[in-house]
Amino acid sequence: MLRRGTRLGIPHFLLLILLGAATGCLGLRVDRVEVPPLVVEGGEAQLECEYDVEGEQLYSVKWYKDDREFFRFIPADTPSIQVFRLPGVNVDSRSNNNRVVLHRVSLRSSGKYRCEVSAEAPLFNTDAGGGRLLVVYAPRSDPSISGVHRRYAVGATVHANCTASPSQPAAALTWLINDREAEASSLVHYAANTTSEGLHTAILGLHFRTVPAHFRYGELRLRCVATVAAGHRRHTTVYVRHGLPQSRPSCGLTASCDEAPSIHIGSQSGRLLFVCTMGSVAVMVMTLLV
């Protein structure tokens, strides 16, 4: 006797698919796909794919980056592993059906990764999962601080800028005044600059008026912290003293303004003339010639 499915001309495996869909049990499934969210440029990334065939026979495991296949595992083939070239994707020889290792990751390695697992005929059940990978290009140097003078009187206005070293993504900048985070009202936000290599240079300004509490120990500390993702942080600190501002431009953050005095000797109207110069202050002493 012919089965009802055969008399209707419906292949048996289609009946199985319909039955599986109705019962919610389709066999093979992907249990977990692990894609590291952040990887430092030059390092390696391990992509993991755990699945359960539930009694079916495995046909293939494939990996895609931005919907382009770069890795294929088919146990029935020889060799069982095939790797396809893709910019920024360097597959290590340690890779297998459950894990793909990418080495020497670069900015081009960033993207969406997907693992797709399929069972053998007649059902060819397929399941997939994935995640997004971001490659971090950490700053190569500490942030730089500009616009700061060596001395400020109480009530003076501080104008400073902090510029981060190029990174990907753009660094998050934070200003600290005497180890306390600056208030939002004192911050000046600028758009990040983008280099030809696709890196970003973040800039954050600081604008505030000094009060006596800033010089509690006779010194004001300004620190800028640049953070790129978790754990990648660099900072720069400058110290300024309390006092009257200089009449000439600041000597800069690294140069010393404490110059040694210079003495010039000359004569004028029968007197011996001494001119002592200390920084921008000149003291003239005249004494009678003997």
C-alpha atoms as a PDB file:
ATOM      1  CA  MET A   1       0.000   0.000   0.000  1.00  0.00           C
ATOM      2  CA  LEU A   2       1.246   3.470  -0.843  1.00  0.00           C
ATOM      3  CA  ARG A   3       1.546   6.025   1.919  1.00  0.00           C
ATOM      4  CA  ARG A   4      -0.698   9.048   1.898  1.00  0.00           C
ATOM      5  CA  GLY A   5       2.295  11.330   1.381  1.00  0.00           C
ATOM      6  CA  THR A   6       3.349   9.394  -1.686  1.00  0.00           C
ATOM      7  CA  ARG A   7      -0.125   9.473  -3.252  1.00  0.00           C
ATOM      8  CA  LEU A   8      -0.124  13.262  -2.851  1.00  0.00           C
ATOM      9  CA  GLY A   9       3.229  13.491  -4.577  1.00  0.00           C
ATOM     10  CA  ILE A  10       4.920  15.092  -1.577  1.00  0.00           C
ATOM     11  CA  PRO A  11       8.464  13.777  -1.007  1.00  0.00           C
ATOM     12  CA  HIS A  12       9.091  12.164   2.346  1.00  0.00           C
ATOM     13  CA  PHE A  13      11.801  14.632   3.409  1.00  0.00           C
ATOM     14  CA  LEU A  14       9.406  17.560   2.879  1.00  0.00           C
ATOM     15  CA  LEU A  15       6.971  15.834   5.173  1.00  0.00           C
ATOM     16  CA  LEU A  16       9.724  15.558   7.734  1.00  0.00           C
ATOM     17  CA  ILE A  17      10.484  19.259   7.422  1.00  0.00           C
ATOM     18  CA  LEU A  18       6.826  20.161   7.857  1.00  0.00           C
ATOM     19  CA  LEU A  19       6.564  17.833  10.839  1.00  0.00           C
ATOM     20  CA  GLY A  20       9.693  19.316  12.400  1.00  0.00           C
ATOM     21  CA  ALA A  21       8.437  22.881  11.905  1.00  0.00           C
ATOM     22  CA  ALA A  22       5.080  21.959  13.476  1.00  0.00           C
ATOM     23  CA  THR A  23       6.662  20.354  16.525  1.00  0.00           C
ATOM     24  CA  GLY A  24       9.398  23.000  16.935  1.00  0.00           C
ATOM     25  CA  CYS A  25      12.136  20.351  16.784  1.00  0.00           C
ATOM     26  CA  LEU A  26      14.346  20.834  13.752  1.00  0.00           C
ATOM     27  CA  GLY A  27      17.396  18.904  14.932  1.00  0.00           C
ATOM     28  CA  LEU A  28      20.700  20.730  14.476  1.00  0.00           C
ATOM     29  CA  ARG A  29      21.179  23.980  16.359  1.00  0.00           C
ATOM     30  CA  VAL A  30      23.927  26.483  17.131  1.00  0.00           C
ATOM     31  CA  ASP A  31      24.232  26.851  20.916  1.00  0.00           C
ATOM     32  CA  ARG A  32      26.846  29.590  21.234  1.00  0.00           C
ATOM     33  CA  VAL A  33      28.929  31.839  19.007  1.00  0.00           C
ATOM     34  CA  GLU A  34      31.700  33.806  20.715  1.00  0.00           C
ATOM     35  CA  VAL A  35      33.211  36.795  18.901  1.00  0.00           C
ATOM     36  CA  PRO A  36      35.495  39.025  21.022  1.00  0.00           C
ATOM     37  CA  PRO A  37      34.080  42.561  20.953  1.00  0.00           C
ATOM     38  CA  LEU A  38      37.506  44.261  21.209  1.00  0.00           C
ATOM     39  CA  VAL A  39      40.959  43.161  20.050  1.00  0.00           C
ATOM     40  CA  VAL A  40      44.132  45.260  20.055  1.00  0.00           C
ATOM     41  CA  GLU A  41      45.662  45.834  16.618  1.00  0.00           C
ATOM     42  CA  GLY A  42      48.430  43.322  15.929  1.00  0.00           C
ATOM     43  CA  GLY A  43      47.026  40.689  18.297  1.00  0.00           C
ATOM     44  CA  GLU A  44      44.847  37.661  17.676  1.00  0.00           C
ATOM     45  CA  ALA A  45      41.128  36.933  17.879  1.00  0.00           C
ATOM     46  CA  GLN A  46      39.523  33.576  18.670  1.00  0.00           C
ATOM     47  CA  LEU A  47      36.094  32.985  17.153  1.00  0.00           C
ATOM     48  CA  GLU A  48      34.209  30.058  18.707  1.00  0.00           C
ATOM     49  CA  CYS A  49      31.150  28.222  17.428  1.00  0.00           C
ATOM     50  CA  GLU A  50      29.450  25.556  19.551  1.00  0.00           C
ATOM     51  CA  TYR A  51      26.643  23.516  18.007  1.00  0.00           C
ATOM     52  CA  ASP A  52      24.650  20.308  18.496  1.00  0.00           C
ATOM     53  CA  VAL A  53      23.673  18.155  15.481  1.00  0.00           C
ATOM     54  CA  GLU A  54      21.165  16.195  17.652  1.00  0.00           C
ATOM     55  CA  GLY A  55      21.624  12.918  15.841  1.00  0.00           C
ATOM     56  CA  GLU A  56      21.987  14.378  12.359  1.00  0.00           C
ATOM     57  CA  GLN A  57      25.152  14.183  10.293  1.00  0.00           C
ATOM     58  CA  LEU A  58      27.212  17.360  10.001  1.00  0.00           C
ATOM     59  CA  TYR A  59      27.561  18.708   6.488  1.00  0.00           C
ATOM     60  CA  SER A  60      29.504  21.963   6.936  1.00  0.00           C
ATOM     61  CA  VAL A  61      30.642  24.757   9.229  1.00  0.00           C
ATOM     62  CA  LYS A  62      31.210  28.096   7.509  1.00  0.00           C
ATOM     63  CA  TRP A  63      32.423  31.460   8.756  1.00  0.00           C
ATOM     64  CA  TYR A  64      31.544  34.799   7.147  1.00  0.00           C
ATOM     65  CA  LYS A  65      32.829  38.324   7.629  1.00  0.00           C
ATOM     66  CA  ASP A  66      30.336  40.971   6.532  1.00  0.00           C
ATOM     67  CA  ASP A  67      28.494  38.228   4.595  1.00  0.00           C
ATOM     68  CA  ARG A  68      31.624  37.106   2.715  1.00  0.00           C
ATOM     69  CA  GLU A  69      32.779  33.537   3.356  1.00  0.00           C
ATOM     70  CA  PHE A  70      36.393  33.107   4.471  1.00  0.00           C
ATOM     71  CA  PHE A  71      36.435  29.700   6.217  1.00  0.00           C
ATOM     72  CA  ARG A  72      34.779  26.384   5.390  1.00  0.00           C
ATOM     73  CA  PHE A  73      34.877  23.005   7.157  1.00  0.00           C
ATOM     74  CA  ILE A  74      33.314  20.012   5.360  1.00  0.00           C
ATOM     75  CA  PRO A  75      34.242  16.689   7.022  1.00  0.00           C
ATOM     76  CA  ALA A  76      33.479  14.702   3.851  1.00  0.00           C
ATOM     77  CA  ASP A  77      35.965  16.718   1.767  1.00  0.00           C
ATOM     78  CA  THR A  78      39.730  16.285   1.460  1.00  0.00           C
ATOM     79  CA  PRO A  79      41.147  18.479   2.800  1.00  0.00           C
ATOM     80  CA  SER A  80      38.285  19.182   5.164  1.00  0.00           C
ATOM     81  CA  ILE A  81      39.250  22.843   5.695  1.00  0.00           C
ATOM     82  CA  GLN A  82      39.259  25.566   3.045  1.00  0.00           C
ATOM     83  CA  VAL A  83      40.311  29.170   3.616  1.00  0.00           C
ATOM     84  CA  PHE A  84      39.346  32.003   1.278  1.00  0.00           C
ATOM     85  CA  ARG A  85      41.340  35.226   1.103  1.00  0.00           C
ATOM     86  CA  LEU A  86      39.696  38.276   2.553  1.00  0.00           C
ATOM     87  CA  PRO A  87      41.318  41.665   3.388  1.00  0.00           C
ATOM     88  CA  GLY A  88      42.142  41.879   7.079  1.00  0.00           C
ATOM     89  CA  VAL A  89      41.352  38.193   7.742  1.00  0.00           C
ATOM     90  CA  ASN A  90      44.398  36.008   8.467  1.00  0.00           C
ATOM     91  CA  VAL A  91      43.320  32.503   9.498  1.00  0.00           C
ATOM     92  CA  ASP A  92      45.740  30.612  11.731  1.00  0.00           C
ATOM     93  CA  SER A  93      46.493  26.896  11.197  1.00  0.00           C
ATOM     94  CA  ARG A  94      45.109  26.115  14.671  1.00  0.00           C
ATOM     95  CA  SER A  95      41.576  26.668  13.365  1.00  0.00           C
ATOM     96  CA  ASN A  96      39.073  23.792  13.269  1.00  0.00           C
ATOM     97  CA  ASN A  97      35.344  23.115  13.088  1.00  0.00           C
ATOM     98  CA  ASN A  98      34.697  24.699  16.516  1.00  0.00           C
ATOM     99  CA  ARG A  99      37.226  27.520  16.580  1.00  0.00           C
ATOM    100  CA  VAL A 100      38.729  29.936  14.073  1.00  0.00           C
ATOM    101  CA  VAL A 101      41.845  31.857  15.128  1.00  0.00           C
ATOM    102  CA  LEU A 102      42.688  35.142  13.417  1.00  0.00           C
ATOM    103  CA  HIS A 103      46.247  36.430  13.851  1.00  0.00           C
ATOM    104  CA  ARG A 104      47.850  39.807  13.075  1.00  0.00           C
ATOM    105  CA  VAL A 105      44.488  41.557  13.181  1.00  0.00           C
ATOM    106  CA  SER A 106      44.366  45.045  11.701  1.00  0.00           C
ATOM    107  CA  LEU A 107      41.823  47.827  11.389  1.00  0.00           C
ATOM    108  CA  ARG A 108      40.478  46.013   8.325  1.00  0.00           C
ATOM    109  CA  SER A 109      39.665  43.018  10.523  1.00  0.00           C
ATOM    110  CA  SER A 110      36.817  44.922  12.191  1.00  0.00           C
ATOM    111  CA  GLY A 111      33.349  43.812  11.141  1.00  0.00           C
ATOM    112  CA  LYS A 112      30.475  41.405  11.687  1.00  0.00           C
ATOM    113  CA  TYR A 113      31.374  37.700  11.913  1.00  0.00           C
ATOM    114  CA  ARG A 114      28.874  34.861  11.504  1.00  0.00           C
ATOM    115  CA  CYS A 115      29.109  31.099  11.990  1.00  0.00           C
ATOM    116  CA  GLU A 116      26.736  28.977   9.895  1.00  0.00           C
ATOM    117  CA  VAL A 117      26.289  25.234  10.556  1.00  0.00           C
ATOM    118  CA  SER A 118      24.422  22.864   8.217  1.00  0.00           C
ATOM    119  CA  ALA A 119      23.362  19.214   8.478  1.00  0.00           C
ATOM    120  CA  GLU A 120      23.506  16.593   5.735  1.00  0.00           C
ATOM    121  CA  ALA A 121      20.666  15.584   3.410  1.00  0.00           C
ATOM    122  CA  PRO A 122      17.797  15.090   3.326  1.00  0.00           C
ATOM    123  CA  LEU A 123      16.883  17.943   5.705  1.00  0.00           C
ATOM    124  CA  PHE A 124      19.918  20.234   5.331  1.00  0.00           C
ATOM    125  CA  ASN A 125      18.940  21.967   8.576  1.00  0.00           C
ATOM    126  CA  THR A 126      20.929  25.173   9.050  1.00  0.00           C
ATOM    127  CA  ASP A 127      21.443  27.433  12.040  1.00  0.00           C
ATOM    128  CA  ALA A 128      23.731  30.416  12.585  1.00  0.00           C
ATOM    129  CA  GLY A 129      24.943  32.990  15.078  1.00  0.00           C
ATOM    130  CA  GLY A 130      27.500  35.768  15.212  1.00  0.00           C
ATOM    131  CA  GLY A 131      28.825  38.986  16.682  1.00  0.00           C
ATOM    132  CA  ARG A 132      30.754  42.134  15.890  1.00  0.00           C
ATOM    133  CA  LEU A 133      34.517  42.528  16.281  1.00  0.00           C
ATOM    134  CA  LEU A 134      36.191  45.916  16.744  1.00  0.00           C
ATOM    135  CA  VAL A 135      39.951  46.212  16.383  1.00  0.00           C
ATOM    136  CA  VAL A 136      41.425  48.829  18.716  1.00  0.00           C
ATOM    137  CA  TYR A 137      44.403  50.925  17.635  1.00  0.00           C
ATOM    138  CA  ALA A 138      45.741  52.137  20.982  1.00  0.00           C
ATOM    139  CA  PRO A 139      47.435  55.574  21.239  1.00  0.00           C
ATOM    140  CA  ARG A 140      51.186  55.350  20.764  1.00  0.00           C
ATOM    141  CA  SER A 141      51.950  58.249  23.128  1.00  0.00           C
ATOM    142  CA  ASP A 142      50.467  60.201  26.027  1.00  0.00           C
ATOM    143  CA  PRO A 143      48.026  63.035  25.309  1.00  0.00           C
ATOM    144  CA  SER A 144      49.500  66.514  24.963  1.00  0.00           C
ATOM    145  CA  ILE A 145      48.370  69.576  26.947  1.00  0.00           C
ATOM    146  CA  SER A 146      48.692  73.062  25.500  1.00  0.00           C
ATOM    147  CA  GLY A 147      47.815  76.612  26.551  1.00  0.00           C
ATOM    148  CA  VAL A 148      48.825  76.290  30.220  1.00  0.00           C
ATOM    149  CA  HIS A 149      50.999  78.956  31.921  1.00  0.00           C
ATOM    150  CA  ARG A 150      53.362  78.243  34.787  1.00  0.00           C
ATOM    151  CA  ARG A 151      51.683  80.630  37.232  1.00  0.00           C
ATOM    152  CA  TYR A 152      48.120  81.761  37.828  1.00  0.00           C
ATOM    153  CA  ALA A 153      46.756  84.248  40.327  1.00  0.00           C
ATOM    154  CA  VAL A 154      43.478  83.572  42.118  1.00  0.00           C
ATOM    155  CA  GLY A 155      40.676  84.684  39.827  1.00  0.00           C
ATOM    156  CA  ALA A 156      42.675  84.076  36.642  1.00  0.00           C
ATOM    157  CA  THR A 157      41.104  82.124  33.781  1.00  0.00           C
ATOM    158  CA  VAL A 158      42.696  78.898  32.610  1.00  0.00           C
ATOM    159  CA  HIS A 159      42.364  78.027  28.925  1.00  0.00           C
ATOM    160  CA  ALA A 160      43.815  74.623  28.034  1.00  0.00           C
ATOM    161  CA  ASN A 161      43.463  71.983  25.351  1.00  0.00           C
ATOM    162  CA  CYS A 162      44.157  68.263  25.531  1.00  0.00           C
ATOM    163  CA  THR A 163      44.943  66.431  22.295  1.00  0.00           C
ATOM    164  CA  ALA A 164      45.059  62.635  22.209  1.00  0.00           C
ATOM    165  CA  SER A 165      47.420  60.597  20.088  1.00  0.00           C
ATOM    166  CA  PRO A 166      45.697  59.091  16.996  1.00  0.00           C
ATOM    167  CA  SER A 167      43.651  55.991  17.790  1.00  0.00           C
ATOM    168  CA  GLN A 168      40.765  53.811  16.692  1.00  0.00           C
ATOM    169  CA  PRO A 169      38.173  54.411  17.974  1.00  0.00           C
ATOM    170  CA  ALA A 170      38.642  58.023  19.038  1.00  0.00           C
ATOM    171  CA  ALA A 171      39.901  58.339  22.606  1.00  0.00           C
ATOM    172  CA  ALA A 172      37.531  59.431  25.342  1.00  0.00           C
ATOM    173  CA  LEU A 173      39.194  62.384  27.094  1.00  0.00           C
ATOM    174  CA  THR A 174      38.760  63.361  30.739  1.00  0.00           C
ATOM    175  CA  TRP A 175      40.093  66.456  32.540  1.00  0.00           C
ATOM    176  CA  LEU A 176      41.016  66.247  36.241  1.00  0.00           C
ATOM    177  CA  ILE A 177      41.630  69.313  38.384  1.00  0.00           C
ATOM    178  CA  ASN A 178      43.558  68.397  41.534  1.00  0.00           C
ATOM    179  CA  ASP A 179      42.532  64.746  40.966  1.00  0.00           C
ATOM    180  CA  ARG A 180      38.844  65.616  40.725  1.00  0.00           C
ATOM    181  CA  GLU A 181      36.976  65.335  37.433  1.00  0.00           C
ATOM    182  CA  ALA A 182      36.250  68.724  35.917  1.00  0.00           C
ATOM    183  CA  GLU A 183      32.645  69.874  35.785  1.00  0.00           C
ATOM    184  CA  ALA A 184      30.857  69.522  32.473  1.00  0.00           C
ATOM    185  CA  SER A 185      30.315  73.300  32.315  1.00  0.00           C
ATOM    186  CA  SER A 186      34.087  73.860  32.149  1.00  0.00           C
ATOM    187  CA  LEU A 187      34.645  71.551  29.174  1.00  0.00           C
ATOM    188  CA  VAL A 188      34.926  72.663  25.558  1.00  0.00           C
ATOM    189  CA  HIS A 189      34.153  69.910  23.055  1.00  0.00           C
ATOM    190  CA  TYR A 190      35.733  69.761  19.604  1.00  0.00           C
ATOM    191  CA  ALA A 191      35.106  67.366  16.739  1.00  0.00           C
ATOM    192  CA  ALA A 192      37.778  64.672  16.374  1.00  0.00           C
ATOM    193  CA  ASN A 193      40.153  64.920  13.420  1.00  0.00           C
ATOM    194  CA  THR A 194      40.533  61.899  11.122  1.00  0.00           C
ATOM    195  CA  THR A 195      43.871  60.931   9.587  1.00  0.00           C
ATOM    196  CA  SER A 196      44.403  59.482   6.129  1.00  0.00           C
ATOM    197  CA  GLU A 197      44.861  56.044   7.776  1.00  0.00           C
ATOM    198  CA  GLY A 198      41.394  56.208   9.319  1.00  0.00           C
ATOM    199  CA  LEU A 199      42.608  57.009  12.839  1.00  0.00           C
ATOM    200  CA  HIS A 200      40.979  59.652  15.020  1.00  0.00           C
ATOM    201  CA  THR A 201      42.545  62.463  17.056  1.00  0.00           C
ATOM    202  CA  ALA A 202      40.308  63.593  19.922  1.00  0.00           C
ATOM    203  CA  ILE A 203      40.539  67.112  21.393  1.00  0.00           C
ATOM    204  CA  LEU A 204      38.943  68.406  24.598  1.00  0.00           C
ATOM    205  CA  GLY A 205      39.229  71.933  25.951  1.00  0.00           C
ATOM    206  CA  LEU A 206      39.172  73.149  29.564  1.00  0.00           C
ATOM    207  CA  HIS A 207      38.029  76.643  30.602  1.00  0.00           C
ATOM    208  CA  PHE A 208      37.629  77.682  34.238  1.00  0.00           C
ATOM    209  CA  ARG A 209      38.430  80.490  36.700  1.00  0.00           C
ATOM    210  CA  THR A 210      40.777  79.728  39.595  1.00  0.00           C
ATOM    211  CA  VAL A 211      39.665  80.042  43.224  1.00  0.00           C
ATOM    212  CA  PRO A 212      41.701  79.841  46.453  1.00  0.00           C
ATOM    213  CA  ALA A 213      40.800  76.160  46.892  1.00  0.00           C
ATOM    214  CA  HIS A 214      42.682  75.325  43.688  1.00  0.00           C
ATOM    215  CA  PHE A 215      45.957  76.367  45.364  1.00  0.00           C
ATOM    216  CA  ARG A 216      45.404  74.730  48.733  1.00  0.00           C
ATOM    217  CA  TYR A 217      48.972  73.410  48.706  1.00  0.00           C
ATOM    218  CA  GLY A 218      50.355  76.217  46.593  1.00  0.00           C
ATOM    219  CA  GLU A 219      50.105  74.151  43.446  1.00  0.00           C
ATOM    220  CA  LEU A 220      47.411  73.380  40.877  1.00  0.00           C
ATOM    221  CA  ARG A 221      47.446  69.976  39.142  1.00  0.00           C
ATOM    222  CA  LEU A 222      45.862  69.504  35.728  1.00  0.00           C
ATOM    223  CA  ARG A 223      45.640  66.007  34.294  1.00  0.00           C
ATOM    224  CA  CYS A 224      44.211  64.771  31.007  1.00  0.00           C
ATOM    225  CA  VAL A 225      43.336  61.071  30.647  1.00  0.00           C
ATOM    226  CA  ALA A 226      42.815  59.431  27.244  1.00  0.00           C
ATOM    227  CA  THR A 227      40.903  56.127  27.259  1.00  0.00           C
ATOM    228  CA  VAL A 228      40.436  53.873  24.235  1.00  0.00           C
ATOM    229  CA  ALA A 229      38.176  50.963  25.179  1.00  0.00           C
ATOM    230  CA  ALA A 230      38.573  49.288  28.543  1.00  0.00           C
ATOM    231  CA  GLY A 231      42.099  48.931  29.840  1.00  0.00           C
ATOM    232  CA  HIS A 232      43.837  51.147  27.283  1.00  0.00           C
ATOM    233  CA  ARG A 233      44.540  54.411  29.083  1.00  0.00           C
ATOM    234  CA  ARG A 234      47.273  57.055  28.936  1.00  0.00           C
ATOM    235  CA  HIS A 235      47.526  60.376  30.775  1.00  0.00           C
ATOM    236  CA  THR A 236      49.560  63.562  31.107  1.00  0.00           C
ATOM    237  CA  THR A 237      49.811  65.827  34.162  1.00  0.00           C
ATOM    238  CA  VAL A 238      51.071  69.411  34.415  1.00  0.00           C
ATOM    239  CA  TYR A 239      51.657  71.467  37.570  1.00  0.00           C
ATOM    240  CA  VAL A 240      51.227  75.212  37.904  1.00  0.00           C
ATOM    241  CA  ARG A 241      52.043  77.452  40.834  1.00  0.00           C
ATOM    242  CA  HIS A 242      50.139  80.174  42.545  1.00  0.00           C
ATOM    243  CA  GLY A 243      51.422  83.642  41.779  1.00  0.00           C
ATOM    244  CA  LEU A 244      51.200  86.623  39.506  1.00  0.00           C
ATOM    245  CA  PRO A 245      51.185  85.762  35.811  1.00  0.00           C
ATOM    246  CA  GLN A 246      54.345  86.489  33.859  1.00  0.00           C
ATOM    247  CA  SER A 247      54.477  89.575  31.688  1.00  0.00           C
ATOM    248  CA  ARG A 248      55.965  87.598  28.802  1.00  0.00           C
ATOM    249  CA  PRO A 249      54.607  84.433  27.116  1.00  0.00           C
ATOM    250  CA  SER A 250      54.866  81.165  28.962  1.00  0.00           C
ATOM    251  CA  CYS A 251      58.099  79.268  28.487  1.00  0.00           C
ATOM    252  CA  GLY A 252      56.094  76.142  27.783  1.00  0.00           C
ATOM    253  CA  LEU A 253      55.364  73.002  29.714  1.00  0.00           C
ATOM    254  CA  THR A 254      58.802  71.429  29.517  1.00  0.00           C
ATOM    255  CA  ALA A 255      61.174  74.399  29.292  1.00  0.00           C
ATOM    256  CA  SER A 256      62.357  76.036  32.509  1.00  0.00           C
ATOM    257  CA  CYS A 257      61.557  79.677  33.176  1.00  0.00           C
ATOM    258  CA  ASP A 258      64.003  79.922  36.073  1.00  0.00           C
ATOM    259  CA  GLU A 259      66.826  81.465  34.077  1.00  0.00           C
ATOM    260  CA  ALA A 260      70.113  82.357  35.698  1.00  0.00           C
ATOM    261  CA  PRO A 261      70.644  86.136  36.164  1.00  0.00           C
ATOM    262  CA  SER A 262      72.872  87.906  33.669  1.00  0.00           C
ATOM    263  CA  ILE A 263      74.978  90.968  34.564  1.00  0.00           C
ATOM    264  CA  HIS A 264      75.977  93.695  32.124  1.00  0.00           C
ATOM    265  CA  ILE A 265      78.654  96.267  33.078  1.00  0.00           C
ATOM    266  CA  GLY A 266      79.065  99.683  31.490  1.00  0.00           C
ATOM    267  CA  SER A 267      79.813 103.303  32.333  1.00  0.00           C
ATOM    268  CA  GLN A 268      77.702 106.436  32.113  1.00  0.00           C
ATOM    269  CA  SER A 269      78.577 110.014  33.164  1.00  0.00           C
ATOM    270  CA  GLY A 270      81.463 109.008  35.392  1.00  0.00           C
ATOM    271  CA  ARG A 271      79.526 106.260  37.100  1.00  0.00           C
ATOM    272  CA  LEU A 272      79.924 102.497  36.916  1.00  0.00           C
ATOM    273  CA  LEU A 273      76.645 100.953  35.750  1.00  0.00           C
ATOM    274  CA  PHE A 274      75.546  97.426  36.644  1.00  0.00           C
ATOM    275  CA  VAL A 275      72.415  95.964  34.997  1.00  0.00           C
ATOM    276  CA  CYS A 276      71.234  92.651  36.420  1.00  0.00           C
ATOM    277  CA  THR A 277      68.609  90.813  34.388  1.00  0.00           C
ATOM    278  CA  MET A 278      66.522  88.042  36.002  1.00  0.00           C
ATOM    279  CA  GLY A 279      63.886  86.716  33.621  1.00  0.00           C
ATOM    280  CA  SER A 280      61.956  89.749  32.477  1.00  0.00           C
ATOM    281  CA  VAL A 281      63.041  91.951  35.438  1.00  0.00           C
ATOM    282  CA  ALA A 282      66.022  94.224  35.108  1.00  0.00           C
ATOM    283  CA  VAL A 283      67.617  95.803  38.197  1.00  0.00           C
ATOM    284  CA  MET A 284      69.973  98.710  37.573  1.00  0.00           C
ATOM    285  CA  VAL A 285      72.620  99.573  40.165  1.00  0.00           C
ATOM    286  CA  MET A 286      74.842 102.591  39.752  1.00  0.00           C
ATOM    287  CA  THR A 287      77.915 103.275  41.797  1.00  0.00           C
ATOM    288  CA  LEU A 288      80.401 106.108  41.627  1.00  0.00           C
ATOM    289  CA  LEU A 289      83.645 105.430  39.880  1.00  0.00           C
ATOM    290  CA  VAL A 290      86.530 105.638  42.217  1.00  0.00           C
END
